[in-house]
Amino acid sequence: MPGRNTFNYLGLIALTVTLSACAGKTQFRGACDKEVDAAWSELSIAKADGFSGTVSYTKALSLITAARTKQAVENFDGCYNSAKDARFYIRESRKGQ
């Protein structure tokens, strides 16, 4: 039968893992907010050039929508990545690509 120290050690590991998961969940919170706001601002002033630009603009809009959804369910790293990708497509839409 395991001793009392073993249970304390396992409890400490469980607590550490739980706290690490919570910290990791909020790590991208600020970056997500900033990236989504920047993407939305860029999208509202973007001027798509030609059909290819319109396709990129549509992809960017879809990615911003996905980022907002991920933000709502507190998937901040996914939110950040989607918003970052959206900003890429916004730049491409301005080039007509």
N, C-alpha and C. Protein backbone atom coordinates (compact mmCIF):
# COMPACT_ATOMS: atom_id res chain seq x y z
N MET A 1 0.84 -1.18 0.00
CA MET A 1 0.00 0.00 0.00
C MET A 1 0.89 1.25 0.00
N PRO A 2 0.60 2.18 -0.89
CA PRO A 2 1.43 3.37 -0.98
C PRO A 2 1.34 4.19 0.30
N GLY A 3 2.44 4.84 0.59
CA GLY A 3 2.50 5.67 1.79
C GLY A 3 1.85 7.02 1.57
N ARG A 4 1.73 7.73 2.66
CA ARG A 4 1.11 9.05 2.65
C ARG A 4 1.90 10.01 1.75
N ASN A 5 3.21 9.90 1.73
CA ASN A 5 4.03 10.78 0.90
C ASN A 5 3.75 10.58 -0.59
N THR A 6 3.45 9.37 -1.00
CA THR A 6 3.13 9.09 -2.39
C THR A 6 1.85 9.82 -2.80
N PHE A 7 0.84 9.79 -1.95
CA PHE A 7 -0.42 10.48 -2.25
C PHE A 7 -0.21 11.99 -2.29
N ASN A 8 0.59 12.52 -1.39
CA ASN A 8 0.89 13.95 -1.39
C ASN A 8 1.62 14.34 -2.67
N TYR A 9 2.56 13.51 -3.08
CA TYR A 9 3.33 13.77 -4.30
C TYR A 9 2.41 13.75 -5.52
N LEU A 10 1.54 12.76 -5.60
CA LEU A 10 0.60 12.67 -6.72
C LEU A 10 -0.37 13.84 -6.72
N GLY A 11 -0.81 14.26 -5.55
CA GLY A 11 -1.70 15.42 -5.44
C GLY A 11 -1.01 16.69 -5.92
N LEU A 12 0.26 16.82 -5.55
CA LEU A 12 1.04 17.99 -5.99
C LEU A 12 1.20 17.99 -7.51
N ILE A 13 1.44 16.85 -8.10
CA ILE A 13 1.56 16.75 -9.57
C ILE A 13 0.23 17.12 -10.23
N ALA A 14 -0.86 16.60 -9.70
CA ALA A 14 -2.18 16.92 -10.27
C ALA A 14 -2.48 18.41 -10.18
N LEU A 15 -2.16 19.02 -9.07
CA LEU A 15 -2.38 20.45 -8.89
C LEU A 15 -1.51 21.25 -9.87
N THR A 16 -0.28 20.86 -10.05
CA THR A 16 0.63 21.55 -10.97
C THR A 16 0.13 21.46 -12.40
N VAL A 17 -0.32 20.28 -12.80
CA VAL A 17 -0.84 20.10 -14.16
C VAL A 17 -2.09 20.94 -14.37
N THR A 18 -2.96 20.97 -13.39
CA THR A 18 -4.19 21.76 -13.48
C THR A 18 -3.88 23.25 -13.61
N LEU A 19 -2.99 23.74 -12.78
CA LEU A 19 -2.63 25.16 -12.84
C LEU A 19 -1.91 25.50 -14.14
N SER A 20 -1.10 24.60 -14.63
CA SER A 20 -0.42 24.84 -15.91
C SER A 20 -1.42 24.93 -17.05
N ALA A 21 -2.43 24.09 -17.02
CA ALA A 21 -3.46 24.12 -18.06
C ALA A 21 -4.21 25.45 -18.03
N CYS A 22 -4.52 25.94 -16.84
CA CYS A 22 -5.21 27.22 -16.73
C CYS A 22 -4.33 28.37 -17.22
N ALA A 23 -3.06 28.34 -16.88
CA ALA A 23 -2.15 29.40 -17.31
C ALA A 23 -1.98 29.37 -18.82
N GLY A 24 -1.87 28.19 -19.40
CA GLY A 24 -1.71 28.07 -20.84
C GLY A 24 -2.93 28.55 -21.60
N LYS A 25 -4.08 28.41 -20.99
CA LYS A 25 -5.32 28.81 -21.65
C LYS A 25 -5.41 30.32 -21.81
N THR A 26 -4.85 31.06 -20.87
CA THR A 26 -4.94 32.52 -20.94
C THR A 26 -3.69 33.17 -21.51
N GLN A 27 -2.70 32.35 -21.86
CA GLN A 27 -1.44 32.88 -22.35
C GLN A 27 -1.62 33.75 -23.59
N PHE A 28 -2.49 33.37 -24.50
CA PHE A 28 -2.69 34.09 -25.75
C PHE A 28 -3.86 35.06 -25.70
N ARG A 29 -4.45 35.27 -24.54
CA ARG A 29 -5.65 36.11 -24.44
C ARG A 29 -5.41 37.52 -24.99
N GLY A 30 -4.39 38.18 -24.53
CA GLY A 30 -4.09 39.54 -24.99
C GLY A 30 -3.70 39.59 -26.45
N ALA A 31 -2.89 38.62 -26.87
CA ALA A 31 -2.47 38.56 -28.27
C ALA A 31 -3.66 38.31 -29.18
N CYS A 32 -4.58 37.46 -28.73
CA CYS A 32 -5.80 37.18 -29.49
C CYS A 32 -6.61 38.46 -29.68
N ASP A 33 -6.82 39.19 -28.59
CA ASP A 33 -7.59 40.44 -28.66
C ASP A 33 -6.97 41.42 -29.65
N LYS A 34 -5.67 41.63 -29.53
CA LYS A 34 -4.97 42.59 -30.39
C LYS A 34 -5.00 42.18 -31.85
N GLU A 35 -4.77 40.89 -32.10
CA GLU A 35 -4.71 40.40 -33.48
C GLU A 35 -6.08 40.46 -34.15
N VAL A 36 -7.13 40.10 -33.42
CA VAL A 36 -8.49 40.16 -33.98
C VAL A 36 -8.88 41.61 -34.25
N ASP A 37 -8.59 42.51 -33.32
CA ASP A 37 -8.91 43.93 -33.54
C ASP A 37 -8.16 44.49 -34.74
N ALA A 38 -6.89 44.14 -34.86
CA ALA A 38 -6.09 44.63 -35.99
C ALA A 38 -6.62 44.06 -37.31
N ALA A 39 -6.95 42.78 -37.32
CA ALA A 39 -7.47 42.15 -38.54
C ALA A 39 -8.80 42.78 -38.94
N TRP A 40 -9.67 43.01 -37.97
CA TRP A 40 -10.97 43.60 -38.27
C TRP A 40 -10.81 45.02 -38.82
N SER A 41 -9.90 45.77 -38.23
CA SER A 41 -9.63 47.13 -38.69
C SER A 41 -9.07 47.12 -40.11
N GLU A 42 -8.13 46.25 -40.38
CA GLU A 42 -7.55 46.14 -41.71
C GLU A 42 -8.57 45.68 -42.74
N LEU A 43 -9.44 44.77 -42.32
CA LEU A 43 -10.45 44.27 -43.24
C LEU A 43 -11.43 45.35 -43.61
N SER A 44 -11.78 46.20 -42.67
CA SER A 44 -12.77 47.23 -42.95
C SER A 44 -12.23 48.29 -43.91
N ILE A 45 -10.91 48.44 -44.00
CA ILE A 45 -10.35 49.43 -44.91
C ILE A 45 -9.69 48.79 -46.13
N ALA A 46 -9.69 47.47 -46.18
CA ALA A 46 -9.05 46.78 -47.30
C ALA A 46 -9.84 46.99 -48.58
N LYS A 47 -9.11 47.07 -49.66
CA LYS A 47 -9.73 47.19 -50.97
C LYS A 47 -9.23 46.02 -51.80
N ALA A 48 -10.09 45.08 -52.01
CA ALA A 48 -9.72 43.90 -52.78
C ALA A 48 -9.52 44.30 -54.24
N ASP A 49 -8.50 43.72 -54.84
CA ASP A 49 -8.17 44.04 -56.22
C ASP A 49 -8.45 42.82 -57.09
N GLY A 50 -9.48 42.88 -57.92
CA GLY A 50 -9.81 41.79 -58.84
C GLY A 50 -10.46 40.60 -58.17
N PHE A 51 -10.70 39.57 -58.97
CA PHE A 51 -11.38 38.38 -58.47
C PHE A 51 -10.54 37.66 -57.43
N SER A 52 -9.24 37.49 -57.69
CA SER A 52 -8.37 36.80 -56.73
C SER A 52 -8.33 37.55 -55.40
N GLY A 53 -8.32 38.86 -55.47
CA GLY A 53 -8.34 39.66 -54.25
C GLY A 53 -9.63 39.47 -53.48
N THR A 54 -10.73 39.31 -54.20
CA THR A 54 -12.02 39.09 -53.56
C THR A 54 -12.05 37.74 -52.85
N VAL A 55 -11.41 36.73 -53.47
CA VAL A 55 -11.33 35.41 -52.84
C VAL A 55 -10.52 35.49 -51.54
N SER A 56 -9.40 36.19 -51.59
CA SER A 56 -8.58 36.35 -50.38
C SER A 56 -9.34 37.13 -49.31
N TYR A 57 -10.08 38.13 -49.73
CA TYR A 57 -10.88 38.94 -48.80
C TYR A 57 -11.92 38.05 -48.11
N THR A 58 -12.55 37.17 -48.88
CA THR A 58 -13.55 36.26 -48.32
C THR A 58 -12.92 35.29 -47.34
N LYS A 59 -11.73 34.77 -47.67
CA LYS A 59 -11.02 33.88 -46.76
C LYS A 59 -10.70 34.62 -45.45
N ALA A 60 -10.26 35.87 -45.58
CA ALA A 60 -9.92 36.65 -44.39
C ALA A 60 -11.15 36.85 -43.50
N LEU A 61 -12.27 37.17 -44.11
CA LEU A 61 -13.50 37.35 -43.35
C LEU A 61 -13.90 36.07 -42.62
N SER A 62 -13.76 34.94 -43.30
CA SER A 62 -14.07 33.64 -42.67
C SER A 62 -13.13 33.37 -41.50
N LEU A 63 -11.86 33.69 -41.67
CA LEU A 63 -10.89 33.46 -40.60
C LEU A 63 -11.14 34.37 -39.40
N ILE A 64 -11.56 35.59 -39.66
CA ILE A 64 -11.88 36.49 -38.53
C ILE A 64 -13.09 35.97 -37.77
N THR A 65 -14.07 35.47 -38.51
CA THR A 65 -15.25 34.88 -37.86
C THR A 65 -14.83 33.68 -37.02
N ALA A 66 -13.94 32.84 -37.55
CA ALA A 66 -13.44 31.68 -36.80
C ALA A 66 -12.68 32.15 -35.56
N ALA A 67 -11.89 33.20 -35.71
CA ALA A 67 -11.12 33.72 -34.57
C ALA A 67 -12.05 34.22 -33.47
N ARG A 68 -13.10 34.93 -33.86
CA ARG A 68 -14.07 35.43 -32.85
C ARG A 68 -14.75 34.26 -32.13
N THR A 69 -15.07 33.21 -32.88
CA THR A 69 -15.70 32.03 -32.28
C THR A 69 -14.75 31.37 -31.29
N LYS A 70 -13.49 31.21 -31.69
CA LYS A 70 -12.49 30.61 -30.80
C LYS A 70 -12.26 31.48 -29.57
N GLN A 71 -12.32 32.78 -29.76
CA GLN A 71 -12.17 33.71 -28.64
C GLN A 71 -13.31 33.52 -27.64
N ALA A 72 -14.51 33.33 -28.15
CA ALA A 72 -15.69 33.16 -27.29
C ALA A 72 -15.61 31.89 -26.46
N VAL A 73 -15.00 30.84 -27.00
CA VAL A 73 -14.88 29.58 -26.25
C VAL A 73 -13.52 29.46 -25.57
N GLU A 74 -12.81 30.59 -25.50
CA GLU A 74 -11.53 30.70 -24.80
C GLU A 74 -10.45 29.79 -25.37
N ASN A 75 -10.45 29.62 -26.69
CA ASN A 75 -9.37 28.94 -27.38
C ASN A 75 -8.47 30.05 -27.93
N PHE A 76 -7.71 30.68 -27.04
CA PHE A 76 -7.00 31.91 -27.40
C PHE A 76 -5.85 31.68 -28.38
N ASP A 77 -5.16 30.55 -28.27
CA ASP A 77 -4.08 30.32 -29.23
C ASP A 77 -4.64 30.07 -30.63
N GLY A 78 -5.76 29.36 -30.73
CA GLY A 78 -6.41 29.16 -32.02
C GLY A 78 -6.96 30.47 -32.57
N CYS A 79 -7.48 31.30 -31.69
CA CYS A 79 -7.97 32.63 -32.07
C CYS A 79 -6.84 33.46 -32.66
N TYR A 80 -5.72 33.49 -31.96
CA TYR A 80 -4.56 34.25 -32.41
C TYR A 80 -4.10 33.78 -33.79
N ASN A 81 -4.00 32.46 -33.96
CA ASN A 81 -3.54 31.92 -35.24
C ASN A 81 -4.51 32.22 -36.38
N SER A 82 -5.80 32.12 -36.12
CA SER A 82 -6.80 32.43 -37.16
C SER A 82 -6.75 33.91 -37.54
N ALA A 83 -6.63 34.77 -36.56
CA ALA A 83 -6.57 36.21 -36.84
C ALA A 83 -5.29 36.57 -37.59
N LYS A 84 -4.20 35.93 -37.22
CA LYS A 84 -2.93 36.16 -37.91
C LYS A 84 -3.04 35.73 -39.37
N ASP A 85 -3.64 34.58 -39.61
CA ASP A 85 -3.86 34.11 -40.99
C ASP A 85 -4.79 35.06 -41.75
N ALA A 86 -5.79 35.58 -41.07
CA ALA A 86 -6.71 36.53 -41.71
C ALA A 86 -5.96 37.76 -42.18
N ARG A 87 -5.05 38.24 -41.35
CA ARG A 87 -4.27 39.42 -41.74
C ARG A 87 -3.41 39.14 -42.97
N PHE A 88 -2.90 37.92 -43.09
CA PHE A 88 -2.15 37.53 -44.28
C PHE A 88 -3.04 37.63 -45.52
N TYR A 89 -4.25 37.08 -45.44
CA TYR A 89 -5.16 37.11 -46.59
C TYR A 89 -5.64 38.52 -46.91
N ILE A 90 -5.71 39.37 -45.90
CA ILE A 90 -6.07 40.77 -46.16
C ILE A 90 -4.97 41.43 -47.00
N ARG A 91 -3.71 41.17 -46.61
CA ARG A 91 -2.61 41.72 -47.41
C ARG A 91 -2.62 41.18 -48.83
N GLU A 92 -2.94 39.90 -48.97
CA GLU A 92 -3.00 39.29 -50.30
C GLU A 92 -4.14 39.90 -51.13
N SER A 93 -5.26 40.20 -50.48
CA SER A 93 -6.41 40.76 -51.21
C SER A 93 -6.07 42.13 -51.76
N ARG A 94 -5.24 42.88 -51.05
CA ARG A 94 -4.84 44.19 -51.52
C ARG A 94 -3.92 44.10 -52.74
N LYS A 95 -3.16 43.00 -52.81
CA LYS A 95 -2.28 42.78 -53.95
C LYS A 95 -3.01 42.19 -55.15
N GLY A 96 -4.24 41.74 -54.91
CA GLY A 96 -5.00 41.10 -55.99
C GLY A 96 -4.66 39.64 -56.15
N GLN A 97 -4.18 39.03 -55.07
CA GLN A 97 -3.79 37.62 -55.13
C GLN A 97 -4.69 36.77 -54.28
